[in-house]
Amino acid sequence: MTYRNDNMNTELQDKIRCNLEVIKENIKGYAPRIVAVTKYYSAEYMVEAWRVGLRDFGESRVIESVEKINGLDDEIRLSSNYHFIGHLQRNKAKKATGVFDLIQSVESEELLNELSVIAGSKGIIQKILIQVNNSFEETKTGIAPSQLDKFLDIAQNTANIEVQGLMTMAPLGADELTLGKLFSEMRKLKEKHSLKELSMGMSGDYKIAVQEGATIIRIGRALFT
């Protein structure tokens, strides 16, 4: 099925537009890139978000995401940027490489090398973020901050890979003090290594994230519900 830029869902579009206005008001004075997290939503949501001006979309399931993206009409598909924000399995790396402009969740040498080989075979440079688990949650992937120097050096010297920055996911339900501390730590790591991007902050904590230096925020629920 092709999702075209002609049949408009005005009710959905109005909801997204209103939510986006609230988000923009909440981050007034800052200028992060807003990634609309569409991983739990149909392509229709992506189309209506595009119509209100959003151009960055976050997905986490490779097969379903590629199908959704390829189903968009050319005007929308070619003018949008796609971010892979979930755990990327090595056996799905081939399908993800090149489709996603930015893979935000690289956290192992094995995946790094896999992406390098695939990107080389496709004749492209794959942009990535390194996922850091600075909350040390066992349920989350990501490298420890103490491992970042070594891993970053390896990644920056890996062929066909461009490291643009770092990504983290804060613990669900963490209080503002904890969030501020974790996000501040990530900003310091970004600055230490003179990196361009810092992806952190989701629907429940993006306001704190931008205050602490996020350049990319990942918003799903606050945008679509």
N, C-alpha and C. Protein backbone atom coordinates (compact mmCIF):
# COMPACT_ATOMS: atom_id res chain seq x y z
N MET A 1 0.84 -1.20 0.00
CA MET A 1 0.00 0.00 0.00
C MET A 1 0.87 1.25 0.00
N THR A 2 0.55 2.21 -0.83
CA THR A 2 1.28 3.46 -0.90
C THR A 2 0.51 4.54 -0.15
N TYR A 3 1.20 5.25 0.73
CA TYR A 3 0.59 6.32 1.51
C TYR A 3 0.91 7.63 0.81
N ARG A 4 -0.08 8.25 0.21
CA ARG A 4 0.14 9.40 -0.65
C ARG A 4 -0.10 10.70 0.10
N ASN A 5 0.42 11.75 -0.48
CA ASN A 5 0.27 13.09 0.08
C ASN A 5 -0.94 13.78 -0.54
N ASP A 6 -2.11 13.10 -0.50
CA ASP A 6 -3.30 13.75 -1.07
C ASP A 6 -4.52 13.58 -0.16
N ASN A 7 -4.78 12.36 0.31
CA ASN A 7 -5.94 12.15 1.18
C ASN A 7 -5.60 12.55 2.61
N MET A 8 -6.14 13.68 3.05
CA MET A 8 -5.74 14.26 4.33
C MET A 8 -6.66 13.82 5.47
N ASN A 9 -6.06 13.43 6.57
CA ASN A 9 -6.79 13.15 7.81
C ASN A 9 -6.69 14.39 8.67
N THR A 10 -7.64 15.30 8.51
CA THR A 10 -7.52 16.60 9.18
C THR A 10 -7.60 16.49 10.70
N GLU A 11 -8.40 15.54 11.21
CA GLU A 11 -8.52 15.40 12.66
C GLU A 11 -7.19 14.98 13.28
N LEU A 12 -6.54 13.98 12.67
CA LEU A 12 -5.25 13.53 13.16
C LEU A 12 -4.21 14.63 12.99
N GLN A 13 -4.24 15.29 11.86
CA GLN A 13 -3.27 16.34 11.60
C GLN A 13 -3.40 17.48 12.62
N ASP A 14 -4.65 17.84 12.93
CA ASP A 14 -4.87 18.91 13.92
C ASP A 14 -4.34 18.52 15.29
N LYS A 15 -4.53 17.24 15.67
CA LYS A 15 -4.04 16.77 16.96
C LYS A 15 -2.52 16.85 17.01
N ILE A 16 -1.87 16.39 15.94
CA ILE A 16 -0.40 16.44 15.90
C ILE A 16 0.09 17.87 15.92
N ARG A 17 -0.57 18.74 15.17
CA ARG A 17 -0.16 20.14 15.12
C ARG A 17 -0.27 20.79 16.49
N CYS A 18 -1.36 20.54 17.18
CA CYS A 18 -1.55 21.11 18.52
C CYS A 18 -0.50 20.58 19.50
N ASN A 19 -0.25 19.28 19.45
CA ASN A 19 0.76 18.69 20.33
C ASN A 19 2.15 19.24 20.02
N LEU A 20 2.43 19.43 18.74
CA LEU A 20 3.73 19.97 18.34
C LEU A 20 3.91 21.40 18.84
N GLU A 21 2.85 22.17 18.80
CA GLU A 21 2.92 23.54 19.31
C GLU A 21 3.25 23.56 20.80
N VAL A 22 2.66 22.63 21.55
CA VAL A 22 2.95 22.53 22.99
C VAL A 22 4.41 22.17 23.21
N ILE A 23 4.89 21.19 22.45
CA ILE A 23 6.29 20.76 22.56
C ILE A 23 7.23 21.92 22.25
N LYS A 24 6.96 22.64 21.18
CA LYS A 24 7.81 23.76 20.79
C LYS A 24 7.79 24.86 21.85
N GLU A 25 6.66 25.07 22.47
CA GLU A 25 6.57 26.07 23.54
C GLU A 25 7.41 25.62 24.74
N ASN A 26 7.39 24.32 25.01
CA ASN A 26 8.14 23.77 26.15
C ASN A 26 9.65 23.82 25.95
N ILE A 27 10.08 23.89 24.70
CA ILE A 27 11.53 23.93 24.42
C ILE A 27 11.93 25.28 23.85
N LYS A 28 11.10 26.28 24.06
CA LYS A 28 11.38 27.61 23.54
C LYS A 28 12.73 28.09 24.07
N GLY A 29 13.54 28.63 23.18
CA GLY A 29 14.87 29.06 23.55
C GLY A 29 15.94 28.04 23.22
N TYR A 30 15.50 26.83 22.86
CA TYR A 30 16.42 25.76 22.47
C TYR A 30 16.08 25.34 21.03
N ALA A 31 16.98 24.63 20.41
CA ALA A 31 16.72 24.26 19.01
C ALA A 31 17.10 22.81 18.71
N PRO A 32 16.57 21.86 19.48
CA PRO A 32 16.88 20.46 19.17
C PRO A 32 16.10 20.00 17.94
N ARG A 33 16.63 18.99 17.28
CA ARG A 33 15.87 18.35 16.21
C ARG A 33 14.84 17.44 16.85
N ILE A 34 13.60 17.54 16.41
CA ILE A 34 12.53 16.71 16.95
C ILE A 34 12.36 15.49 16.06
N VAL A 35 12.62 14.32 16.63
CA VAL A 35 12.38 13.07 15.91
C VAL A 35 11.02 12.54 16.34
N ALA A 36 10.11 12.45 15.39
CA ALA A 36 8.79 11.91 15.66
C ALA A 36 8.91 10.38 15.71
N VAL A 37 8.69 9.82 16.90
CA VAL A 37 8.85 8.38 17.07
C VAL A 37 7.57 7.69 16.62
N THR A 38 7.63 7.11 15.44
CA THR A 38 6.45 6.51 14.80
C THR A 38 6.45 4.99 14.90
N LYS A 39 7.33 4.44 15.73
CA LYS A 39 7.49 2.99 15.75
C LYS A 39 6.22 2.24 16.17
N TYR A 40 5.36 2.89 16.95
CA TYR A 40 4.12 2.24 17.39
C TYR A 40 2.91 2.72 16.59
N TYR A 41 3.16 3.49 15.54
CA TYR A 41 2.06 4.11 14.81
C TYR A 41 2.14 3.77 13.32
N SER A 42 1.00 3.83 12.67
CA SER A 42 0.93 3.50 11.25
C SER A 42 1.56 4.60 10.41
N ALA A 43 1.75 4.31 9.12
CA ALA A 43 2.32 5.29 8.20
C ALA A 43 1.44 6.52 8.09
N GLU A 44 0.16 6.39 8.36
CA GLU A 44 -0.74 7.56 8.31
C GLU A 44 -0.28 8.64 9.28
N TYR A 45 0.18 8.22 10.45
CA TYR A 45 0.69 9.19 11.44
C TYR A 45 1.94 9.88 10.91
N MET A 46 2.78 9.13 10.23
CA MET A 46 3.98 9.70 9.65
C MET A 46 3.62 10.75 8.59
N VAL A 47 2.65 10.42 7.77
CA VAL A 47 2.21 11.35 6.72
C VAL A 47 1.68 12.64 7.32
N GLU A 48 0.82 12.53 8.32
CA GLU A 48 0.23 13.74 8.91
C GLU A 48 1.28 14.54 9.69
N ALA A 49 2.23 13.87 10.30
CA ALA A 49 3.32 14.58 10.97
C ALA A 49 4.17 15.33 9.93
N TRP A 50 4.40 14.70 8.81
CA TRP A 50 5.13 15.35 7.71
C TRP A 50 4.39 16.60 7.24
N ARG A 51 3.08 16.50 7.16
CA ARG A 51 2.29 17.64 6.68
C ARG A 51 2.35 18.85 7.61
N VAL A 52 2.61 18.62 8.89
CA VAL A 52 2.71 19.76 9.81
C VAL A 52 4.17 20.21 9.96
N GLY A 53 5.06 19.63 9.17
CA GLY A 53 6.41 20.15 9.10
C GLY A 53 7.51 19.28 9.67
N LEU A 54 7.18 18.14 10.24
CA LEU A 54 8.20 17.26 10.79
C LEU A 54 8.86 16.46 9.66
N ARG A 55 10.16 16.30 9.77
CA ARG A 55 10.91 15.61 8.71
C ARG A 55 11.80 14.49 9.23
N ASP A 56 11.82 14.29 10.54
CA ASP A 56 12.64 13.24 11.13
C ASP A 56 11.75 12.22 11.83
N PHE A 57 11.94 10.93 11.51
CA PHE A 57 11.08 9.89 12.04
C PHE A 57 11.90 8.75 12.64
N GLY A 58 11.48 8.28 13.81
CA GLY A 58 12.20 7.25 14.53
C GLY A 58 11.48 5.92 14.53
N GLU A 59 12.20 4.87 14.18
CA GLU A 59 11.65 3.53 14.12
C GLU A 59 12.57 2.55 14.84
N SER A 60 12.04 1.38 15.20
CA SER A 60 12.86 0.42 15.93
C SER A 60 12.70 -1.03 15.49
N ARG A 61 11.86 -1.28 14.50
CA ARG A 61 11.72 -2.64 13.98
C ARG A 61 12.09 -2.60 12.50
N VAL A 62 13.17 -3.25 12.15
CA VAL A 62 13.75 -3.08 10.82
C VAL A 62 12.79 -3.46 9.70
N ILE A 63 12.27 -4.67 9.73
CA ILE A 63 11.44 -5.16 8.62
C ILE A 63 10.20 -4.29 8.45
N GLU A 64 9.48 -4.08 9.56
CA GLU A 64 8.26 -3.27 9.49
C GLU A 64 8.56 -1.83 9.09
N SER A 65 9.68 -1.30 9.57
CA SER A 65 10.05 0.09 9.27
C SER A 65 10.34 0.28 7.79
N VAL A 66 11.13 -0.62 7.23
CA VAL A 66 11.48 -0.51 5.82
C VAL A 66 10.23 -0.59 4.95
N GLU A 67 9.33 -1.49 5.31
CA GLU A 67 8.07 -1.62 4.57
C GLU A 67 7.26 -0.33 4.66
N LYS A 68 7.20 0.25 5.86
CA LYS A 68 6.45 1.49 6.07
C LYS A 68 7.06 2.64 5.26
N ILE A 69 8.38 2.75 5.32
CA ILE A 69 9.07 3.83 4.60
C ILE A 69 8.90 3.67 3.09
N ASN A 70 9.08 2.47 2.60
CA ASN A 70 8.96 2.25 1.16
C ASN A 70 7.53 2.44 0.66
N GLY A 71 6.56 2.38 1.58
CA GLY A 71 5.17 2.58 1.20
C GLY A 71 4.76 4.04 1.09
N LEU A 72 5.63 4.94 1.51
CA LEU A 72 5.34 6.37 1.39
C LEU A 72 5.52 6.82 -0.05
N ASP A 73 4.76 7.83 -0.45
CA ASP A 73 4.98 8.34 -1.80
C ASP A 73 6.31 9.10 -1.85
N ASP A 74 6.83 9.31 -3.05
CA ASP A 74 8.18 9.83 -3.22
C ASP A 74 8.38 11.19 -2.55
N GLU A 75 7.38 12.05 -2.63
CA GLU A 75 7.54 13.39 -2.06
C GLU A 75 7.85 13.33 -0.57
N ILE A 76 7.13 12.48 0.14
CA ILE A 76 7.33 12.35 1.58
C ILE A 76 8.59 11.54 1.87
N ARG A 77 8.74 10.42 1.21
CA ARG A 77 9.86 9.51 1.50
C ARG A 77 11.21 10.18 1.27
N LEU A 78 11.35 10.88 0.16
CA LEU A 78 12.65 11.44 -0.21
C LEU A 78 12.99 12.73 0.54
N SER A 79 12.00 13.36 1.15
CA SER A 79 12.26 14.60 1.88
C SER A 79 12.34 14.39 3.39
N SER A 80 12.31 13.14 3.81
CA SER A 80 12.34 12.81 5.24
C SER A 80 13.65 12.14 5.63
N ASN A 81 13.95 12.20 6.92
CA ASN A 81 15.12 11.54 7.49
C ASN A 81 14.64 10.46 8.44
N TYR A 82 15.31 9.31 8.41
CA TYR A 82 14.87 8.17 9.21
C TYR A 82 15.96 7.79 10.23
N HIS A 83 15.52 7.60 11.45
CA HIS A 83 16.42 7.30 12.56
C HIS A 83 16.07 5.92 13.11
N PHE A 84 17.07 5.06 13.23
CA PHE A 84 16.83 3.78 13.89
C PHE A 84 17.19 3.96 15.35
N ILE A 85 16.22 3.75 16.24
CA ILE A 85 16.40 4.09 17.65
C ILE A 85 16.29 2.88 18.58
N GLY A 86 16.07 1.70 18.02
CA GLY A 86 15.96 0.50 18.85
C GLY A 86 17.23 -0.33 18.81
N HIS A 87 17.20 -1.45 19.48
CA HIS A 87 18.34 -2.37 19.46
C HIS A 87 18.43 -3.01 18.07
N LEU A 88 19.56 -2.84 17.42
CA LEU A 88 19.74 -3.36 16.06
C LEU A 88 20.49 -4.69 16.11
N GLN A 89 19.82 -5.75 15.70
CA GLN A 89 20.45 -7.06 15.63
C GLN A 89 21.35 -7.13 14.40
N ARG A 90 22.46 -7.82 14.52
CA ARG A 90 23.41 -7.88 13.42
C ARG A 90 22.79 -8.49 12.16
N ASN A 91 21.88 -9.45 12.34
CA ASN A 91 21.28 -10.08 11.16
C ASN A 91 20.26 -9.19 10.45
N LYS A 92 19.97 -8.04 11.05
CA LYS A 92 19.07 -7.06 10.41
C LYS A 92 19.84 -5.85 9.90
N ALA A 93 21.14 -5.83 10.13
CA ALA A 93 21.94 -4.65 9.79
C ALA A 93 21.93 -4.35 8.29
N LYS A 94 21.93 -5.39 7.47
CA LYS A 94 21.97 -5.16 6.02
C LYS A 94 20.75 -4.40 5.55
N LYS A 95 19.59 -4.75 6.07
CA LYS A 95 18.35 -4.08 5.67
C LYS A 95 18.28 -2.65 6.20
N ALA A 96 18.95 -2.40 7.34
CA ALA A 96 18.88 -1.08 7.97
C ALA A 96 19.86 -0.09 7.36
N THR A 97 21.03 -0.59 6.96
CA THR A 97 22.09 0.28 6.47
C THR A 97 21.67 0.99 5.19
N GLY A 98 21.79 2.30 5.20
CA GLY A 98 21.43 3.09 4.02
C GLY A 98 19.99 3.53 4.00
N VAL A 99 19.09 2.72 4.57
CA VAL A 99 17.69 3.14 4.68
C VAL A 99 17.56 4.19 5.78
N PHE A 100 18.24 3.94 6.89
CA PHE A 100 18.20 4.88 8.01
C PHE A 100 19.37 5.85 7.90
N ASP A 101 19.03 7.13 7.86
CA ASP A 101 20.05 8.17 7.76
C ASP A 101 20.96 8.16 8.98
N LEU A 102 20.38 7.83 10.14
CA LEU A 102 21.15 7.82 11.37
C LEU A 102 20.74 6.61 12.21
N ILE A 103 21.69 5.74 12.49
CA ILE A 103 21.46 4.62 13.39
C ILE A 103 21.94 5.05 14.76
N GLN A 104 20.99 5.23 15.70
CA GLN A 104 21.30 5.87 16.97
C GLN A 104 21.76 4.91 18.06
N SER A 105 21.81 3.62 17.78
CA SER A 105 21.94 2.66 18.87
C SER A 105 23.11 1.68 18.71
N VAL A 106 24.23 2.19 18.24
CA VAL A 106 25.39 1.32 18.06
C VAL A 106 26.14 1.20 19.39
N GLU A 107 26.35 -0.05 19.84
CA GLU A 107 26.95 -0.24 21.16
C GLU A 107 27.84 -1.48 21.25
N SER A 108 28.28 -1.98 20.10
CA SER A 108 29.20 -3.11 20.14
C SER A 108 30.11 -3.07 18.92
N GLU A 109 31.32 -3.60 19.09
CA GLU A 109 32.25 -3.66 17.97
C GLU A 109 31.74 -4.57 16.87
N GLU A 110 31.03 -5.63 17.27
CA GLU A 110 30.50 -6.56 16.28
C GLU A 110 29.52 -5.86 15.34
N LEU A 111 28.61 -5.07 15.92
CA LEU A 111 27.65 -4.34 15.08
C LEU A 111 28.36 -3.27 14.26
N LEU A 112 29.31 -2.61 14.87
CA LEU A 112 30.07 -1.57 14.18
C LEU A 112 30.75 -2.15 12.94
N ASN A 113 31.38 -3.29 13.09
CA ASN A 113 32.08 -3.91 11.97
C ASN A 113 31.11 -4.40 10.90
N GLU A 114 29.97 -4.91 11.35
CA GLU A 114 28.95 -5.36 10.40
C GLU A 114 28.45 -4.20 9.55
N LEU A 115 28.16 -3.09 10.21
CA LEU A 115 27.70 -1.90 9.48
C LEU A 115 28.76 -1.39 8.52
N SER A 116 30.00 -1.45 8.95
CA SER A 116 31.10 -0.99 8.10
C SER A 116 31.18 -1.80 6.80
N VAL A 117 31.13 -3.11 6.92
CA VAL A 117 31.22 -3.99 5.75
C VAL A 117 30.03 -3.76 4.81
N ILE A 118 28.84 -3.68 5.40
CA ILE A 118 27.63 -3.51 4.58
C ILE A 118 27.63 -2.15 3.89
N ALA A 119 27.98 -1.10 4.64
CA ALA A 119 28.03 0.24 4.06
C ALA A 119 29.04 0.29 2.92
N GLY A 120 30.18 -0.37 3.11
CA GLY A 120 31.19 -0.42 2.06
C GLY A 120 30.67 -1.11 0.81
N SER A 121 29.92 -2.20 1.00
CA SER A 121 29.38 -2.93 -0.15
C SER A 121 28.33 -2.12 -0.89
N LYS A 122 27.69 -1.19 -0.17
CA LYS A 122 26.67 -0.35 -0.79
C LYS A 122 27.23 0.98 -1.29
N GLY A 123 28.51 1.22 -0.99
CA GLY A 123 29.15 2.45 -1.44
C GLY A 123 28.68 3.69 -0.72
N ILE A 124 28.36 3.55 0.57
CA ILE A 124 27.86 4.69 1.34
C ILE A 124 28.64 4.84 2.64
N ILE A 125 28.44 5.97 3.28
CA ILE A 125 28.93 6.20 4.63
C ILE A 125 27.72 6.18 5.56
N GLN A 126 27.72 5.28 6.53
CA GLN A 126 26.60 5.18 7.46
C GLN A 126 26.86 6.05 8.69
N LYS A 127 25.93 6.98 8.93
CA LYS A 127 26.04 7.83 10.11
C LYS A 127 25.47 7.11 11.32
N ILE A 128 26.16 7.24 12.44
CA ILE A 128 25.72 6.55 13.65
C ILE A 128 25.84 7.44 14.89
N LEU A 129 25.13 7.04 15.94
CA LEU A 129 25.37 7.53 17.29
C LEU A 129 25.78 6.34 18.13
N ILE A 130 26.61 6.58 19.12
CA ILE A 130 26.99 5.54 20.05
C ILE A 130 26.06 5.59 21.25
N GLN A 131 25.43 4.47 21.56
CA GLN A 131 24.52 4.43 22.70
C GLN A 131 25.30 4.18 23.98
N VAL A 132 25.07 5.08 24.95
CA VAL A 132 25.74 5.01 26.24
C VAL A 132 24.71 4.71 27.32
N ASN A 133 24.99 3.74 28.15
CA ASN A 133 24.10 3.38 29.26
C ASN A 133 24.71 3.95 30.54
N ASN A 134 24.49 5.26 30.78
CA ASN A 134 25.10 5.88 31.96
C ASN A 134 24.22 5.75 33.20
N SER A 135 23.05 5.12 33.05
CA SER A 135 22.24 4.81 34.23
C SER A 135 22.51 3.39 34.73
N PHE A 136 23.29 2.63 33.94
CA PHE A 136 23.72 1.27 34.28
C PHE A 136 22.53 0.33 34.52
N GLU A 137 21.45 0.55 33.76
CA GLU A 137 20.29 -0.33 33.85
C GLU A 137 20.58 -1.63 33.10
N GLU A 138 20.31 -2.74 33.74
CA GLU A 138 20.58 -4.03 33.12
C GLU A 138 19.63 -4.31 31.95
N THR A 139 18.48 -3.68 31.96
CA THR A 139 17.49 -3.92 30.90
C THR A 139 17.77 -3.09 29.65
N LYS A 140 18.73 -2.18 29.71
CA LYS A 140 19.05 -1.33 28.56
C LYS A 140 20.43 -1.69 28.00
N THR A 141 20.53 -1.61 26.68
CA THR A 141 21.82 -1.80 26.03
C THR A 141 22.58 -0.48 26.04
N GLY A 142 23.83 -0.55 25.61
CA GLY A 142 24.66 0.65 25.61
C GLY A 142 25.96 0.40 26.35
N ILE A 143 26.99 1.11 25.96
CA ILE A 143 28.28 0.92 26.61
C ILE A 143 28.36 1.78 27.87
N ALA A 144 29.20 1.39 28.78
CA ALA A 144 29.41 2.17 30.00
C ALA A 144 30.25 3.40 29.67
N PRO A 145 30.02 4.50 30.37
CA PRO A 145 30.81 5.71 30.11
C PRO A 145 32.32 5.46 30.17
N SER A 146 32.75 4.57 31.04
CA SER A 146 34.18 4.28 31.18
C SER A 146 34.77 3.61 29.93
N GLN A 147 33.91 3.05 29.10
CA GLN A 147 34.36 2.37 27.88
C GLN A 147 34.31 3.29 26.65
N LEU A 148 33.79 4.50 26.84
CA LEU A 148 33.52 5.35 25.68
C LEU A 148 34.79 5.78 24.95
N ASP A 149 35.82 6.17 25.68
CA ASP A 149 37.05 6.63 25.02
C ASP A 149 37.56 5.59 24.02
N LYS A 150 37.67 4.35 24.49
CA LYS A 150 38.19 3.29 23.64
C LYS A 150 37.25 3.00 22.47
N PHE A 151 35.95 2.89 22.77
CA PHE A 151 34.99 2.54 21.73
C PHE A 151 34.89 3.65 20.69
N LEU A 152 34.92 4.89 21.14
CA LEU A 152 34.83 6.02 20.21
C LEU A 152 36.05 6.05 19.29
N ASP A 153 37.21 5.76 19.83
CA ASP A 153 38.42 5.73 19.01
C ASP A 153 38.31 4.66 17.93
N ILE A 154 37.79 3.50 18.30
CA ILE A 154 37.61 2.42 17.33
C ILE A 154 36.59 2.84 16.26
N ALA A 155 35.46 3.39 16.71
CA ALA A 155 34.39 3.75 15.78
C ALA A 155 34.83 4.84 14.81
N GLN A 156 35.57 5.82 15.30
CA GLN A 156 36.00 6.92 14.44
C GLN A 156 37.06 6.50 13.43
N ASN A 157 37.63 5.33 13.65
CA ASN A 157 38.64 4.81 12.72
C ASN A 157 38.13 3.60 11.95
N THR A 158 36.82 3.42 11.96
CA THR A 158 36.20 2.32 11.23
C THR A 158 35.74 2.82 9.86
N ALA A 159 36.11 2.12 8.83
CA ALA A 159 35.78 2.53 7.46
C ALA A 159 34.27 2.58 7.25
N ASN A 160 33.85 3.54 6.45
CA ASN A 160 32.46 3.67 6.00
C ASN A 160 31.49 4.05 7.12
N ILE A 161 32.03 4.50 8.26
CA ILE A 161 31.22 4.89 9.41
C ILE A 161 31.53 6.35 9.77
N GLU A 162 30.48 7.12 10.02
CA GLU A 162 30.65 8.49 10.51
C GLU A 162 29.97 8.61 11.87
N VAL A 163 30.75 8.80 12.90
CA VAL A 163 30.20 8.97 14.25
C VAL A 163 29.77 10.42 14.42
N GLN A 164 28.46 10.61 14.64
CA GLN A 164 27.96 11.97 14.80
C GLN A 164 27.77 12.37 16.25
N GLY A 165 27.69 11.39 17.14
CA GLY A 165 27.50 11.76 18.53
C GLY A 165 27.08 10.60 19.40
N LEU A 166 26.33 10.92 20.45
CA LEU A 166 25.95 9.95 21.47
C LEU A 166 24.44 9.90 21.64
N MET A 167 23.97 8.79 22.17
CA MET A 167 22.55 8.63 22.50
C MET A 167 22.44 7.94 23.85
N THR A 168 21.41 8.32 24.62
CA THR A 168 21.13 7.60 25.85
C THR A 168 19.63 7.54 26.09
N MET A 169 19.23 6.59 26.92
CA MET A 169 17.85 6.46 27.36
C MET A 169 17.83 6.51 28.88
N ALA A 170 17.09 7.46 29.42
CA ALA A 170 17.01 7.60 30.87
C ALA A 170 16.04 6.58 31.46
N PRO A 171 16.19 6.25 32.73
CA PRO A 171 15.28 5.30 33.37
C PRO A 171 13.85 5.84 33.41
N LEU A 172 12.89 4.98 33.13
CA LEU A 172 11.49 5.37 33.23
C LEU A 172 11.15 5.69 34.69
N GLY A 173 10.46 6.79 34.88
CA GLY A 173 10.02 7.13 36.23
C GLY A 173 11.06 7.79 37.10
N ALA A 174 12.22 8.09 36.54
CA ALA A 174 13.27 8.75 37.33
C ALA A 174 12.83 10.16 37.70
N ASP A 175 13.26 10.63 38.88
CA ASP A 175 12.89 11.98 39.30
C ASP A 175 13.74 13.02 38.56
N GLU A 176 13.33 14.27 38.65
CA GLU A 176 13.99 15.33 37.89
C GLU A 176 15.45 15.50 38.26
N LEU A 177 15.77 15.32 39.52
CA LEU A 177 17.15 15.45 39.95
C LEU A 177 18.04 14.39 39.30
N THR A 178 17.54 13.16 39.28
CA THR A 178 18.29 12.07 38.65
C THR A 178 18.42 12.29 37.16
N LEU A 179 17.33 12.70 36.52
CA LEU A 179 17.36 12.96 35.08
C LEU A 179 18.37 14.05 34.75
N GLY A 180 18.33 15.13 35.51
CA GLY A 180 19.25 16.22 35.27
C GLY A 180 20.70 15.78 35.38
N LYS A 181 20.97 14.95 36.38
CA LYS A 181 22.34 14.44 36.59
C LYS A 181 22.78 13.57 35.43
N LEU A 182 21.91 12.64 35.01
CA LEU A 182 22.26 11.73 33.93
C LEU A 182 22.45 12.48 32.61
N PHE A 183 21.56 13.41 32.33
CA PHE A 183 21.65 14.17 31.09
C PHE A 183 22.88 15.09 31.10
N SER A 184 23.18 15.66 32.26
CA SER A 184 24.36 16.51 32.38
C SER A 184 25.64 15.71 32.13
N GLU A 185 25.68 14.49 32.63
CA GLU A 185 26.84 13.62 32.39
C GLU A 185 27.04 13.37 30.90
N MET A 186 25.92 13.17 30.20
CA MET A 186 26.01 12.92 28.76
C MET A 186 26.50 14.16 28.02
N ARG A 187 26.03 15.33 28.43
CA ARG A 187 26.49 16.56 27.79
C ARG A 187 28.01 16.72 27.96
N LYS A 188 28.51 16.39 29.14
CA LYS A 188 29.95 16.50 29.39
C LYS A 188 30.74 15.53 28.53
N LEU A 189 30.20 14.34 28.32
CA LEU A 189 30.86 13.37 27.44
C LEU A 189 30.88 13.87 25.99
N LYS A 190 29.77 14.44 25.55
CA LYS A 190 29.71 15.01 24.19
C LYS A 190 30.74 16.12 24.02
N GLU A 191 30.81 17.01 25.01
CA GLU A 191 31.73 18.13 24.92
C GLU A 191 33.18 17.68 25.01
N LYS A 192 33.44 16.69 25.85
CA LYS A 192 34.80 16.16 26.00
C LYS A 192 35.35 15.68 24.68
N HIS A 193 34.49 15.05 23.89
CA HIS A 193 34.92 14.46 22.63
C HIS A 193 34.58 15.31 21.41
N SER A 194 34.09 16.54 21.65
CA SER A 194 33.78 17.49 20.56
C SER A 194 32.87 16.88 19.51
N LEU A 195 31.81 16.23 19.98
CA LEU A 195 30.86 15.59 19.08
C LEU A 195 29.72 16.54 18.73
N LYS A 196 29.07 16.28 17.62
CA LYS A 196 28.02 17.16 17.11
C LYS A 196 26.68 16.92 17.76
N GLU A 197 26.28 15.67 17.90
CA GLU A 197 24.92 15.34 18.30
C GLU A 197 24.85 14.66 19.66
N LEU A 198 23.76 14.95 20.36
CA LEU A 198 23.45 14.28 21.62
C LEU A 198 21.95 14.01 21.65
N SER A 199 21.59 12.74 21.45
CA SER A 199 20.19 12.34 21.40
C SER A 199 19.76 11.82 22.77
N MET A 200 18.90 12.58 23.42
CA MET A 200 18.37 12.16 24.72
C MET A 200 17.10 12.94 25.00
N GLY A 201 16.21 12.31 25.77
CA GLY A 201 14.93 12.94 26.07
C GLY A 201 13.81 12.37 25.23
N MET A 202 12.77 11.90 25.91
CA MET A 202 11.59 11.38 25.24
C MET A 202 10.36 12.11 25.77
N SER A 203 9.19 11.58 25.55
CA SER A 203 7.96 12.32 25.86
C SER A 203 7.89 12.79 27.30
N GLY A 204 8.40 11.98 28.25
CA GLY A 204 8.27 12.33 29.65
C GLY A 204 9.39 13.17 30.23
N ASP A 205 10.49 13.30 29.49
CA ASP A 205 11.64 14.00 30.07
C ASP A 205 12.38 14.92 29.11
N TYR A 206 11.76 15.22 27.96
CA TYR A 206 12.48 16.01 26.95
C TYR A 206 12.77 17.44 27.40
N LYS A 207 11.94 18.00 28.28
CA LYS A 207 12.18 19.37 28.73
C LYS A 207 13.49 19.46 29.51
N ILE A 208 13.74 18.48 30.36
CA ILE A 208 15.00 18.46 31.11
C ILE A 208 16.16 18.17 30.17
N ALA A 209 15.94 17.29 29.20
CA ALA A 209 17.00 16.92 28.26
C ALA A 209 17.51 18.12 27.47
N VAL A 210 16.60 18.95 26.98
CA VAL A 210 17.05 20.10 26.20
C VAL A 210 17.78 21.11 27.08
N GLN A 211 17.34 21.24 28.30
CA GLN A 211 18.03 22.15 29.23
C GLN A 211 19.46 21.70 29.50
N GLU A 212 19.68 20.40 29.39
CA GLU A 212 21.01 19.85 29.65
C GLU A 212 21.82 19.62 28.37
N GLY A 213 21.30 20.07 27.23
CA GLY A 213 22.11 20.05 26.02
C GLY A 213 21.75 19.08 24.93
N ALA A 214 20.56 18.48 24.97
CA ALA A 214 20.16 17.57 23.89
C ALA A 214 20.09 18.33 22.56
N THR A 215 20.62 17.74 21.52
CA THR A 215 20.48 18.29 20.18
C THR A 215 19.40 17.55 19.39
N ILE A 216 19.03 16.36 19.89
CA ILE A 216 17.97 15.56 19.28
C ILE A 216 17.09 15.05 20.41
N ILE A 217 15.75 15.21 20.26
CA ILE A 217 14.82 14.62 21.20
C ILE A 217 13.90 13.68 20.44
N ARG A 218 13.48 12.60 21.10
CA ARG A 218 12.71 11.55 20.45
C ARG A 218 11.31 11.52 21.07
N ILE A 219 10.32 11.99 20.31
CA ILE A 219 8.98 12.19 20.88
C ILE A 219 7.95 11.35 20.15
N GLY A 220 7.26 10.49 20.91
CA GLY A 220 6.18 9.69 20.33
C GLY A 220 4.85 10.03 20.97
N ARG A 221 4.64 9.53 22.19
CA ARG A 221 3.36 9.69 22.86
C ARG A 221 2.92 11.16 22.98
N ALA A 222 3.81 12.05 23.35
CA ALA A 222 3.45 13.46 23.53
C ALA A 222 3.06 14.13 22.21
N LEU A 223 3.45 13.52 21.12
CA LEU A 223 3.15 14.08 19.80
C LEU A 223 1.88 13.49 19.20
N PHE A 224 1.63 12.21 19.47
CA PHE A 224 0.57 11.50 18.75
C PHE A 224 -0.67 11.17 19.57
N THR A 225 -0.65 11.40 20.90
CA THR A 225 -1.83 11.05 21.69
C THR A 225 -2.38 12.27 22.41
